[in-house]
Amino acid sequence: MKRAVITGASSGIGKAFAERLARDGYDVVLVARRRERLESLATVLRDTYGRRVDVLSADLTSPSDLTLVEQNIRDDSSLELLVNNAGFGKIGAYGDLDLDVEDEEIRLNILALVRLTHAAIPGMVARHRGAIINVSSIVAFLPVPFLATYSATKAYVNSFTEAIHEELKGTGVKIQALCPGRTHTEFHERAGINTKNHPSKGMEPESVVNASLRALQRDKVICVPGITNRVTACIMSLLPRALLRKAAAPRMRKLTAKIARP
């Protein structure tokens, strides 16, 4: 028996991970705030794949809920895979944004991911097997004006994951930072970003998950799904950061201005 824990499992990439892993023979633990969505997904996965599916409704920005999920992970001797997918971002000039929301963003995108990773590693190392996928973003490769907190949290996720990857060498445990570009999920809507005229058509969550799991088999620590995204990431790694942020600023300022209009 092998089990996977997936945070942010109620929609988007998290839901796609749950569906793919259940199909691949994993029992899954679905973690998110929206219990109704989780229960609905759990029913489908049980009926379709015959797997055990547990629902853990939790707000990972809440210390008590986060502790509950940590303990669940720490006590799970069958845990083979942790997918830290939960996260969100908000567009806008940083000084105009709600500071409490920015605080929640940091707690979810960084603190929850760090604590759940810490909960998973000792048991996996003791069992000499297991893997962790930390869902990051292509914006981890550049500072994005008007999306400052989000891009900074994802830069943290990449740096953190790469460092842990070196620490885990020889243990049988893998870790990956998954850096998708635009994906057809609810992220942009929640962030306040209108994608109607977005230059990128985006990827389906299922394609992102497939790319991630293929890269995990090869123990590739940074996974950027999609050829266009990989080319973009490569270009961003070569150009000066000052040029990148200056190039990004006008478009992001324009998006912010549109949102601000009544």
C-alpha atoms as a PDB file:
ATOM      1  CA  MET A   1       0.000   0.000   0.000  1.00  0.00           C
ATOM      2  CA  LYS A   2       1.323   3.429  -0.922  1.00  0.00           C
ATOM      3  CA  ARG A   3      -0.220   6.760  -0.043  1.00  0.00           C
ATOM      4  CA  ALA A   4       0.040  10.319  -1.301  1.00  0.00           C
ATOM      5  CA  VAL A   5      -0.917  13.520   0.502  1.00  0.00           C
ATOM      6  CA  ILE A   6      -1.952  16.397  -1.754  1.00  0.00           C
ATOM      7  CA  THR A   7      -2.600  19.920  -0.498  1.00  0.00           C
ATOM      8  CA  GLY A   8      -4.784  22.289  -2.475  1.00  0.00           C
ATOM      9  CA  ALA A   9      -6.471  19.184  -3.840  1.00  0.00           C
ATOM     10  CA  SER A  10      -9.922  20.638  -4.456  1.00  0.00           C
ATOM     11  CA  SER A  11      -9.148  22.080  -7.895  1.00  0.00           C
ATOM     12  CA  GLY A  12      -6.555  22.710 -10.594  1.00  0.00           C
ATOM     13  CA  ILE A  13      -3.145  21.066 -10.386  1.00  0.00           C
ATOM     14  CA  GLY A  14      -3.881  19.527  -6.989  1.00  0.00           C
ATOM     15  CA  LYS A  15      -7.019  17.837  -8.280  1.00  0.00           C
ATOM     16  CA  ALA A  16      -5.147  16.593 -11.351  1.00  0.00           C
ATOM     17  CA  PHE A  17      -2.464  15.094  -9.097  1.00  0.00           C
ATOM     18  CA  ALA A  18      -5.143  13.346  -7.037  1.00  0.00           C
ATOM     19  CA  GLU A  19      -6.775  11.854 -10.126  1.00  0.00           C
ATOM     20  CA  ARG A  20      -3.502  10.709 -11.669  1.00  0.00           C
ATOM     21  CA  LEU A  21      -2.117   9.213  -8.456  1.00  0.00           C
ATOM     22  CA  ALA A  22      -5.341   7.350  -7.675  1.00  0.00           C
ATOM     23  CA  ARG A  23      -5.250   5.956 -11.206  1.00  0.00           C
ATOM     24  CA  ASP A  24      -1.640   4.884 -10.607  1.00  0.00           C
ATOM     25  CA  GLY A  25      -2.635   2.883  -7.526  1.00  0.00           C
ATOM     26  CA  TYR A  26      -2.050   5.327  -4.687  1.00  0.00           C
ATOM     27  CA  ASP A  27      -4.371   5.766  -1.766  1.00  0.00           C
ATOM     28  CA  VAL A  28      -4.705   9.526  -1.410  1.00  0.00           C
ATOM     29  CA  VAL A  29      -5.282  12.075   1.327  1.00  0.00           C
ATOM     30  CA  LEU A  30      -6.953  15.206  -0.011  1.00  0.00           C
ATOM     31  CA  VAL A  31      -6.200  18.433   1.860  1.00  0.00           C
ATOM     32  CA  ALA A  32      -7.917  21.783   1.219  1.00  0.00           C
ATOM     33  CA  ARG A  33     -10.334  24.222   2.839  1.00  0.00           C
ATOM     34  CA  ARG A  34     -13.410  23.387   0.775  1.00  0.00           C
ATOM     35  CA  ARG A  35     -14.771  20.167   2.277  1.00  0.00           C
ATOM     36  CA  GLU A  36     -17.684  19.843  -0.159  1.00  0.00           C
ATOM     37  CA  ARG A  37     -15.352  19.850  -3.139  1.00  0.00           C
ATOM     38  CA  LEU A  38     -13.028  17.366  -1.455  1.00  0.00           C
ATOM     39  CA  GLU A  39     -15.877  14.991  -0.615  1.00  0.00           C
ATOM     40  CA  SER A  40     -17.156  15.172  -4.181  1.00  0.00           C
ATOM     41  CA  LEU A  41     -13.709  14.417  -5.595  1.00  0.00           C
ATOM     42  CA  ALA A  42     -13.191  11.628  -3.058  1.00  0.00           C
ATOM     43  CA  THR A  43     -16.413   9.917  -4.144  1.00  0.00           C
ATOM     44  CA  VAL A  44     -15.362  10.028  -7.797  1.00  0.00           C
ATOM     45  CA  LEU A  45     -11.899   8.631  -7.053  1.00  0.00           C
ATOM     46  CA  ARG A  46     -13.255   5.814  -4.885  1.00  0.00           C
ATOM     47  CA  ASP A  47     -15.875   4.838  -7.458  1.00  0.00           C
ATOM     48  CA  THR A  48     -13.535   5.117 -10.447  1.00  0.00           C
ATOM     49  CA  TYR A  49     -10.299   3.633  -9.111  1.00  0.00           C
ATOM     50  CA  GLY A  50     -11.319   1.712  -6.002  1.00  0.00           C
ATOM     51  CA  ARG A  51      -8.695   3.436  -3.880  1.00  0.00           C
ATOM     52  CA  ARG A  52      -8.911   4.577  -0.277  1.00  0.00           C
ATOM     53  CA  VAL A  53      -9.446   8.332  -0.266  1.00  0.00           C
ATOM     54  CA  ASP A  54      -9.314  10.351   2.951  1.00  0.00           C
ATOM     55  CA  VAL A  55     -10.510  13.933   3.215  1.00  0.00           C
ATOM     56  CA  LEU A  56      -8.739  16.375   5.507  1.00  0.00           C
ATOM     57  CA  SER A  57     -10.419  19.779   5.478  1.00  0.00           C
ATOM     58  CA  ALA A  58      -7.842  22.299   6.695  1.00  0.00           C
ATOM     59  CA  ASP A  59      -6.827  25.918   6.301  1.00  0.00           C
ATOM     60  CA  LEU A  60      -3.044  25.732   6.163  1.00  0.00           C
ATOM     61  CA  THR A  61      -2.723  29.382   7.188  1.00  0.00           C
ATOM     62  CA  SER A  62      -4.231  28.398  10.555  1.00  0.00           C
ATOM     63  CA  PRO A  63      -1.568  27.170  13.034  1.00  0.00           C
ATOM     64  CA  SER A  64      -3.905  24.573  14.544  1.00  0.00           C
ATOM     65  CA  ASP A  65      -5.000  23.186  11.159  1.00  0.00           C
ATOM     66  CA  LEU A  66      -1.414  23.128   9.912  1.00  0.00           C
ATOM     67  CA  THR A  67      -0.322  21.208  13.020  1.00  0.00           C
ATOM     68  CA  LEU A  68      -3.086  18.665  12.366  1.00  0.00           C
ATOM     69  CA  VAL A  69      -1.878  18.043   8.809  1.00  0.00           C
ATOM     70  CA  GLU A  70       1.751  17.874   9.953  1.00  0.00           C
ATOM     71  CA  GLN A  71       0.866  15.185  12.476  1.00  0.00           C
ATOM     72  CA  ASN A  72      -1.077  13.231   9.864  1.00  0.00           C
ATOM     73  CA  ILE A  73       1.998  13.229   7.609  1.00  0.00           C
ATOM     74  CA  ARG A  74       4.430  12.445  10.403  1.00  0.00           C
ATOM     75  CA  ASP A  75       2.388   9.435  11.577  1.00  0.00           C
ATOM     76  CA  ASP A  76       1.790   7.955   8.121  1.00  0.00           C
ATOM     77  CA  SER A  77       4.135   4.993   7.649  1.00  0.00           C
ATOM     78  CA  SER A  78       2.739   4.388   4.142  1.00  0.00           C
ATOM     79  CA  LEU A  79       3.430   7.896   2.846  1.00  0.00           C
ATOM     80  CA  GLU A  80       5.226   7.699  -0.504  1.00  0.00           C
ATOM     81  CA  LEU A  81       4.512  11.129  -1.940  1.00  0.00           C
ATOM     82  CA  LEU A  82       3.744  14.587  -0.588  1.00  0.00           C
ATOM     83  CA  VAL A  83       2.511  17.207  -3.050  1.00  0.00           C
ATOM     84  CA  ASN A  84       2.709  20.699  -1.574  1.00  0.00           C
ATOM     85  CA  ASN A  85       0.378  22.356  -4.054  1.00  0.00           C
ATOM     86  CA  ALA A  86      -1.654  24.799  -1.932  1.00  0.00           C
ATOM     87  CA  GLY A  87      -0.850  28.435  -2.672  1.00  0.00           C
ATOM     88  CA  PHE A  88      -2.178  31.712  -4.023  1.00  0.00           C
ATOM     89  CA  GLY A  89      -1.109  35.181  -5.160  1.00  0.00           C
ATOM     90  CA  LYS A  90      -2.575  38.667  -5.378  1.00  0.00           C
ATOM     91  CA  ILE A  91      -1.892  41.215  -8.096  1.00  0.00           C
ATOM     92  CA  GLY A  92      -1.464  44.891  -7.246  1.00  0.00           C
ATOM     93  CA  ALA A  93       0.980  47.539  -6.059  1.00  0.00           C
ATOM     94  CA  TYR A  94       2.333  46.132  -2.814  1.00  0.00           C
ATOM     95  CA  GLY A  95       1.585  49.283  -0.797  1.00  0.00           C
ATOM     96  CA  ASP A  96      -2.070  49.103  -1.856  1.00  0.00           C
ATOM     97  CA  LEU A  97      -2.649  45.461  -1.005  1.00  0.00           C
ATOM     98  CA  ASP A  98      -4.257  44.161   2.190  1.00  0.00           C
ATOM     99  CA  LEU A  99      -1.336  43.300   4.470  1.00  0.00           C
ATOM    100  CA  ASP A 100      -3.285  40.528   6.200  1.00  0.00           C
ATOM    101  CA  VAL A 101      -3.815  38.843   2.837  1.00  0.00           C
ATOM    102  CA  GLU A 102      -0.116  39.189   2.021  1.00  0.00           C
ATOM    103  CA  ASP A 103       0.665  37.617   5.392  1.00  0.00           C
ATOM    104  CA  GLU A 104      -1.634  34.678   4.590  1.00  0.00           C
ATOM    105  CA  GLU A 105       0.070  34.307   1.220  1.00  0.00           C
ATOM    106  CA  ILE A 106       3.481  33.966   2.867  1.00  0.00           C
ATOM    107  CA  ARG A 107       2.106  31.561   5.478  1.00  0.00           C
ATOM    108  CA  LEU A 108       0.559  29.324   2.826  1.00  0.00           C
ATOM    109  CA  ASN A 109       3.154  29.518   0.059  1.00  0.00           C
ATOM    110  CA  ILE A 110       6.202  29.245   2.333  1.00  0.00           C
ATOM    111  CA  LEU A 111       5.523  28.378   5.968  1.00  0.00           C
ATOM    112  CA  ALA A 112       3.024  25.565   5.332  1.00  0.00           C
ATOM    113  CA  LEU A 113       5.221  24.069   2.600  1.00  0.00           C
ATOM    114  CA  VAL A 114       8.319  24.195   4.808  1.00  0.00           C
ATOM    115  CA  ARG A 115       6.582  22.647   7.810  1.00  0.00           C
ATOM    116  CA  LEU A 116       4.910  19.856   5.834  1.00  0.00           C
ATOM    117  CA  THR A 117       8.177  19.054   4.091  1.00  0.00           C
ATOM    118  CA  HIS A 118       9.846  18.831   7.496  1.00  0.00           C
ATOM    119  CA  ALA A 119       7.086  16.518   8.720  1.00  0.00           C
ATOM    120  CA  ALA A 120       7.547  14.166   5.759  1.00  0.00           C
ATOM    121  CA  ILE A 121      11.337  13.863   5.462  1.00  0.00           C
ATOM    122  CA  PRO A 122      12.314  11.886   8.613  1.00  0.00           C
ATOM    123  CA  GLY A 123       9.889   9.025   7.932  1.00  0.00           C
ATOM    124  CA  MET A 124      10.774   8.863   4.257  1.00  0.00           C
ATOM    125  CA  VAL A 125      14.500   8.807   5.022  1.00  0.00           C
ATOM    126  CA  ALA A 126      13.979   6.077   7.619  1.00  0.00           C
ATOM    127  CA  ARG A 127      12.081   4.012   5.013  1.00  0.00           C
ATOM    128  CA  HIS A 128      14.673   4.841   2.305  1.00  0.00           C
ATOM    129  CA  ARG A 129      11.967   5.854  -0.152  1.00  0.00           C
ATOM    130  CA  GLY A 130       9.490   8.624  -0.928  1.00  0.00           C
ATOM    131  CA  ALA A 131       9.237  11.915  -2.744  1.00  0.00           C
ATOM    132  CA  ILE A 132       8.076  15.489  -2.248  1.00  0.00           C
ATOM    133  CA  ILE A 133       6.810  17.772  -4.996  1.00  0.00           C
ATOM    134  CA  ASN A 134       6.741  21.457  -4.113  1.00  0.00           C
ATOM    135  CA  VAL A 135       4.598  23.341  -6.601  1.00  0.00           C
ATOM    136  CA  SER A 136       6.365  26.569  -7.492  1.00  0.00           C
ATOM    137  CA  SER A 137       5.930  28.724 -10.614  1.00  0.00           C
ATOM    138  CA  ILE A 138       7.795  30.014 -13.626  1.00  0.00           C
ATOM    139  CA  VAL A 139       7.732  33.443 -11.926  1.00  0.00           C
ATOM    140  CA  ALA A 140      10.226  32.022  -9.416  1.00  0.00           C
ATOM    141  CA  PHE A 141      12.891  32.912 -11.985  1.00  0.00           C
ATOM    142  CA  LEU A 142      12.274  36.662 -11.927  1.00  0.00           C
ATOM    143  CA  PRO A 143      11.044  39.400  -9.572  1.00  0.00           C
ATOM    144  CA  VAL A 144       7.588  40.384 -10.850  1.00  0.00           C
ATOM    145  CA  PRO A 145       6.456  43.949 -10.074  1.00  0.00           C
ATOM    146  CA  PHE A 146       2.819  44.098  -8.921  1.00  0.00           C
ATOM    147  CA  LEU A 147       3.068  40.403  -8.070  1.00  0.00           C
ATOM    148  CA  ALA A 148       5.954  40.938  -5.689  1.00  0.00           C
ATOM    149  CA  THR A 149       5.020  38.698  -2.776  1.00  0.00           C
ATOM    150  CA  TYR A 150       3.952  35.782  -4.944  1.00  0.00           C
ATOM    151  CA  SER A 151       7.056  35.777  -7.130  1.00  0.00           C
ATOM    152  CA  ALA A 152       9.248  36.112  -4.023  1.00  0.00           C
ATOM    153  CA  THR A 153       7.554  33.164  -2.305  1.00  0.00           C
ATOM    154  CA  LYS A 154       8.119  30.999  -5.357  1.00  0.00           C
ATOM    155  CA  ALA A 155      11.775  32.026  -5.559  1.00  0.00           C
ATOM    156  CA  TYR A 156      12.029  30.832  -1.949  1.00  0.00           C
ATOM    157  CA  VAL A 157      10.392  27.518  -2.856  1.00  0.00           C
ATOM    158  CA  ASN A 158      12.911  26.891  -5.635  1.00  0.00           C
ATOM    159  CA  SER A 159      15.941  27.773  -3.504  1.00  0.00           C
ATOM    160  CA  PHE A 160      14.663  25.742  -0.550  1.00  0.00           C
ATOM    161  CA  THR A 161      13.881  22.707  -2.705  1.00  0.00           C
ATOM    162  CA  GLU A 162      17.226  22.752  -4.509  1.00  0.00           C
ATOM    163  CA  ALA A 163      19.095  22.887  -1.202  1.00  0.00           C
ATOM    164  CA  ILE A 164      17.086  20.012   0.295  1.00  0.00           C
ATOM    165  CA  HIS A 165      17.663  18.010  -2.887  1.00  0.00           C
ATOM    166  CA  GLU A 166      21.394  18.028  -2.173  1.00  0.00           C
ATOM    167  CA  GLU A 167      20.826  17.070   1.459  1.00  0.00           C
ATOM    168  CA  LEU A 168      18.728  14.059   0.440  1.00  0.00           C
ATOM    169  CA  LYS A 169      21.217  12.550  -2.005  1.00  0.00           C
ATOM    170  CA  GLY A 170      21.849   8.912  -1.198  1.00  0.00           C
ATOM    171  CA  THR A 171      18.783   8.583   1.058  1.00  0.00           C
ATOM    172  CA  GLY A 172      16.375   7.186  -1.524  1.00  0.00           C
ATOM    173  CA  VAL A 173      14.146  10.263  -1.131  1.00  0.00           C
ATOM    174  CA  LYS A 174      13.500  12.689  -3.993  1.00  0.00           C
ATOM    175  CA  ILE A 175      12.309  16.285  -3.999  1.00  0.00           C
ATOM    176  CA  GLN A 176      11.214  18.522  -6.855  1.00  0.00           C
ATOM    177  CA  ALA A 177      10.217  22.111  -7.475  1.00  0.00           C
ATOM    178  CA  LEU A 178       7.482  22.106 -10.124  1.00  0.00           C
ATOM    179  CA  CYS A 179       7.454  25.419 -12.015  1.00  0.00           C
ATOM    180  CA  PRO A 180       4.458  25.638 -14.346  1.00  0.00           C
ATOM    181  CA  GLY A 181       3.696  28.618 -16.506  1.00  0.00           C
ATOM    182  CA  ARG A 182       0.132  29.704 -17.147  1.00  0.00           C
ATOM    183  CA  THR A 183      -2.161  26.754 -16.392  1.00  0.00           C
ATOM    184  CA  HIS A 184      -5.928  26.484 -16.763  1.00  0.00           C
ATOM    185  CA  THR A 185      -6.818  26.660 -13.058  1.00  0.00           C
ATOM    186  CA  GLU A 186      -8.599  29.063 -10.702  1.00  0.00           C
ATOM    187  CA  PHE A 187      -5.302  30.741  -9.748  1.00  0.00           C
ATOM    188  CA  HIS A 188      -5.595  33.733 -12.065  1.00  0.00           C
ATOM    189  CA  GLU A 189      -9.192  34.418 -11.088  1.00  0.00           C
ATOM    190  CA  ARG A 190      -8.300  34.370  -7.393  1.00  0.00           C
ATOM    191  CA  ALA A 191      -5.253  36.570  -8.040  1.00  0.00           C
ATOM    192  CA  GLY A 192      -7.406  39.102  -9.883  1.00  0.00           C
ATOM    193  CA  ILE A 193      -5.667  38.565 -13.245  1.00  0.00           C
ATOM    194  CA  ASN A 194      -7.722  38.780 -16.441  1.00  0.00           C
ATOM    195  CA  THR A 195      -6.322  36.201 -18.860  1.00  0.00           C
ATOM    196  CA  LYS A 196      -8.628  37.078 -21.780  1.00  0.00           C
ATOM    197  CA  ASN A 197      -5.820  38.662 -23.777  1.00  0.00           C
ATOM    198  CA  HIS A 198      -2.978  36.670 -22.252  1.00  0.00           C
ATOM    199  CA  PRO A 199      -0.259  35.920 -24.855  1.00  0.00           C
ATOM    200  CA  SER A 200       0.107  32.328 -23.607  1.00  0.00           C
ATOM    201  CA  LYS A 201      -2.672  29.816 -24.210  1.00  0.00           C
ATOM    202  CA  GLY A 202      -1.587  27.909 -21.135  1.00  0.00           C
ATOM    203  CA  MET A 203      -1.424  24.219 -20.256  1.00  0.00           C
ATOM    204  CA  GLU A 204      -3.959  21.824 -18.866  1.00  0.00           C
ATOM    205  CA  PRO A 205      -3.321  20.706 -15.256  1.00  0.00           C
ATOM    206  CA  GLU A 206      -3.109  17.083 -16.369  1.00  0.00           C
ATOM    207  CA  SER A 207      -0.206  17.909 -18.709  1.00  0.00           C
ATOM    208  CA  VAL A 208       1.608  19.693 -15.886  1.00  0.00           C
ATOM    209  CA  VAL A 209       1.189  16.659 -13.631  1.00  0.00           C
ATOM    210  CA  ASN A 210       2.406  14.256 -16.320  1.00  0.00           C
ATOM    211  CA  ALA A 211       5.540  16.348 -16.855  1.00  0.00           C
ATOM    212  CA  SER A 212       6.166  16.540 -13.119  1.00  0.00           C
ATOM    213  CA  LEU A 213       5.950  12.792 -12.554  1.00  0.00           C
ATOM    214  CA  ARG A 214       8.187  12.060 -15.549  1.00  0.00           C
ATOM    215  CA  ALA A 215      10.789  14.482 -14.205  1.00  0.00           C
ATOM    216  CA  LEU A 216      10.489  12.972 -10.722  1.00  0.00           C
ATOM    217  CA  GLN A 217      11.389   9.541 -12.106  1.00  0.00           C
ATOM    218  CA  ARG A 218      14.610  11.097 -13.422  1.00  0.00           C
ATOM    219  CA  ASP A 219      15.228  12.836 -10.066  1.00  0.00           C
ATOM    220  CA  LYS A 220      15.156  16.224 -11.801  1.00  0.00           C
ATOM    221  CA  VAL A 221      14.951  18.856  -9.081  1.00  0.00           C
ATOM    222  CA  ILE A 222      13.557  21.724 -11.208  1.00  0.00           C
ATOM    223  CA  CYS A 223      10.713  20.832 -13.563  1.00  0.00           C
ATOM    224  CA  VAL A 224       9.370  23.428 -15.994  1.00  0.00           C
ATOM    225  CA  PRO A 225       6.528  21.793 -17.964  1.00  0.00           C
ATOM    226  CA  GLY A 226       6.037  22.671 -21.630  1.00  0.00           C
ATOM    227  CA  ILE A 227       8.608  23.574 -24.288  1.00  0.00           C
ATOM    228  CA  THR A 228       7.532  27.228 -24.440  1.00  0.00           C
ATOM    229  CA  ASN A 229       7.863  27.580 -20.685  1.00  0.00           C
ATOM    230  CA  ARG A 230      11.267  25.874 -20.691  1.00  0.00           C
ATOM    231  CA  VAL A 231      12.543  28.238 -23.379  1.00  0.00           C
ATOM    232  CA  THR A 232      11.160  31.199 -21.432  1.00  0.00           C
ATOM    233  CA  ALA A 233      12.804  30.014 -18.215  1.00  0.00           C
ATOM    234  CA  CYS A 234      16.108  29.506 -20.015  1.00  0.00           C
ATOM    235  CA  ILE A 235      15.996  33.018 -21.453  1.00  0.00           C
ATOM    236  CA  MET A 236      15.135  34.470 -18.055  1.00  0.00           C
ATOM    237  CA  SER A 237      18.104  32.691 -16.494  1.00  0.00           C
ATOM    238  CA  LEU A 238      20.444  34.314 -19.014  1.00  0.00           C
ATOM    239  CA  LEU A 239      19.166  37.897 -18.970  1.00  0.00           C
ATOM    240  CA  PRO A 240      20.058  40.460 -16.267  1.00  0.00           C
ATOM    241  CA  ARG A 241      17.433  40.612 -13.504  1.00  0.00           C
ATOM    242  CA  ALA A 242      17.215  44.400 -13.814  1.00  0.00           C
ATOM    243  CA  LEU A 243      16.187  44.016 -17.452  1.00  0.00           C
ATOM    244  CA  LEU A 244      13.645  41.319 -16.631  1.00  0.00           C
ATOM    245  CA  ARG A 245      11.846  43.303 -13.946  1.00  0.00           C
ATOM    246  CA  LYS A 246      11.822  46.453 -16.083  1.00  0.00           C
ATOM    247  CA  ALA A 247      10.363  44.483 -18.984  1.00  0.00           C
ATOM    248  CA  ALA A 248       7.678  42.921 -16.784  1.00  0.00           C
ATOM    249  CA  ALA A 249       6.646  46.131 -15.034  1.00  0.00           C
ATOM    250  CA  PRO A 250       4.650  47.858 -17.832  1.00  0.00           C
ATOM    251  CA  ARG A 251       2.425  44.857 -18.532  1.00  0.00           C
ATOM    252  CA  MET A 252       1.821  44.168 -14.860  1.00  0.00           C
ATOM    253  CA  ARG A 253       1.115  47.873 -14.234  1.00  0.00           C
ATOM    254  CA  LYS A 254      -1.434  47.781 -17.044  1.00  0.00           C
ATOM    255  CA  LEU A 255      -3.143  44.710 -15.569  1.00  0.00           C
ATOM    256  CA  THR A 256      -3.249  46.369 -12.159  1.00  0.00           C
ATOM    257  CA  ALA A 257      -4.763  49.546 -13.619  1.00  0.00           C
ATOM    258  CA  LYS A 258      -7.522  47.538 -15.281  1.00  0.00           C
ATOM    259  CA  ILE A 259      -8.384  45.842 -12.024  1.00  0.00           C
ATOM    260  CA  ALA A 260      -8.461  49.159 -10.182  1.00  0.00           C
ATOM    261  CA  ARG A 261     -11.066  50.663 -12.518  1.00  0.00           C
ATOM    262  CA  PRO A 262     -14.656  50.668 -11.232  1.00  0.00           C
END
